[in-house]
Protein backbone atom coordinates (compact mmCIF):
# COMPACT_ATOMS: atom_id res chain seq x y z
CA MET A 1 91.68 90.86 142.47
CA LYS A 2 88.66 93.18 142.70
CA MET A 3 90.89 96.18 142.00
CA LEU A 4 92.23 94.56 138.80
CA LEU A 5 88.69 93.68 137.71
CA ARG A 6 87.56 97.28 138.26
CA LEU A 7 90.54 98.59 136.33
CA VAL A 8 89.86 96.28 133.38
CA ALA A 9 86.16 97.19 133.44
CA GLY A 10 86.97 100.91 133.56
CA VAL A 11 89.41 100.71 130.66
CA SER A 12 86.95 98.61 128.64
CA LEU A 13 84.14 101.08 129.31
CA THR A 14 86.37 103.97 128.26
CA PHE A 15 87.17 102.30 124.93
CA LEU A 16 83.53 101.39 124.33
CA LEU A 17 82.35 104.94 124.96
CA ALA A 18 85.13 106.38 122.82
CA GLY A 19 83.81 104.35 119.89
CA CYS A 20 80.48 106.20 120.15
CA TYR A 21 82.07 109.60 119.58
CA GLU A 22 80.71 111.59 116.64
CA SER A 23 82.36 114.68 115.29
CA THR A 24 80.22 117.78 115.66
CA SER A 25 81.96 119.88 113.03
CA VAL A 26 79.63 121.50 110.52
CA THR A 27 80.45 121.67 106.82
CA SER A 28 79.11 124.79 105.18
CA TYR A 29 78.36 124.78 101.46
CA GLN A 30 77.54 127.69 99.20
CA PRO A 31 74.64 127.08 96.82
CA GLY A 32 75.66 126.88 93.19
CA VAL A 33 79.38 126.57 93.93
CA TYR A 34 81.05 123.23 93.21
CA LYS A 35 84.20 122.75 95.27
CA GLY A 36 85.20 119.28 94.12
CA THR A 37 87.87 118.34 91.60
CA SER A 38 87.25 119.53 88.07
CA ASP A 39 85.89 117.09 85.53
CA PRO A 40 88.14 116.68 82.47
CA LEU A 41 85.03 116.23 80.33
CA LEU A 42 84.20 119.90 80.76
CA GLN A 43 87.16 120.76 78.52
CA ALA A 44 86.21 118.18 75.83
CA SER A 45 84.12 118.83 72.74
CA ALA A 46 80.45 117.85 72.65
CA ASP A 47 81.13 114.63 70.69
CA GLN A 48 83.97 113.57 73.00
CA ARG A 49 81.83 114.37 76.03
CA ALA A 50 78.89 112.31 74.72
CA GLU A 51 81.12 109.31 74.01
CA ALA A 52 82.79 109.49 77.41
CA MET A 53 79.44 109.80 79.19
CA LYS A 54 78.14 106.78 77.26
CA LYS A 55 81.16 104.76 78.42
CA ARG A 56 80.63 105.88 82.03
CA PHE A 57 76.97 104.86 81.82
CA GLU A 58 77.82 101.45 80.40
CA LEU A 59 80.38 100.79 83.13
CA VAL A 60 77.83 101.42 85.84
CA GLN A 61 74.46 100.40 84.43
CA MET A 62 75.19 97.48 82.13
CA ASP A 63 76.48 95.16 84.86
CA ARG A 64 73.01 94.79 86.35
């Protein structure tokens, strides 16, 4: 019985400690270089861009 209890405690401890793991990889960014997906508004005219930005603003800010 004690052996089973030790085994269960050991497995439980292993799972608990595994949940505390944090990746140590470092992400390196270059200043001034955007590496995300391109924004379709960059290709739009100034009027289209202004209208689209107004809609984006209203979606986020007007619900508060």
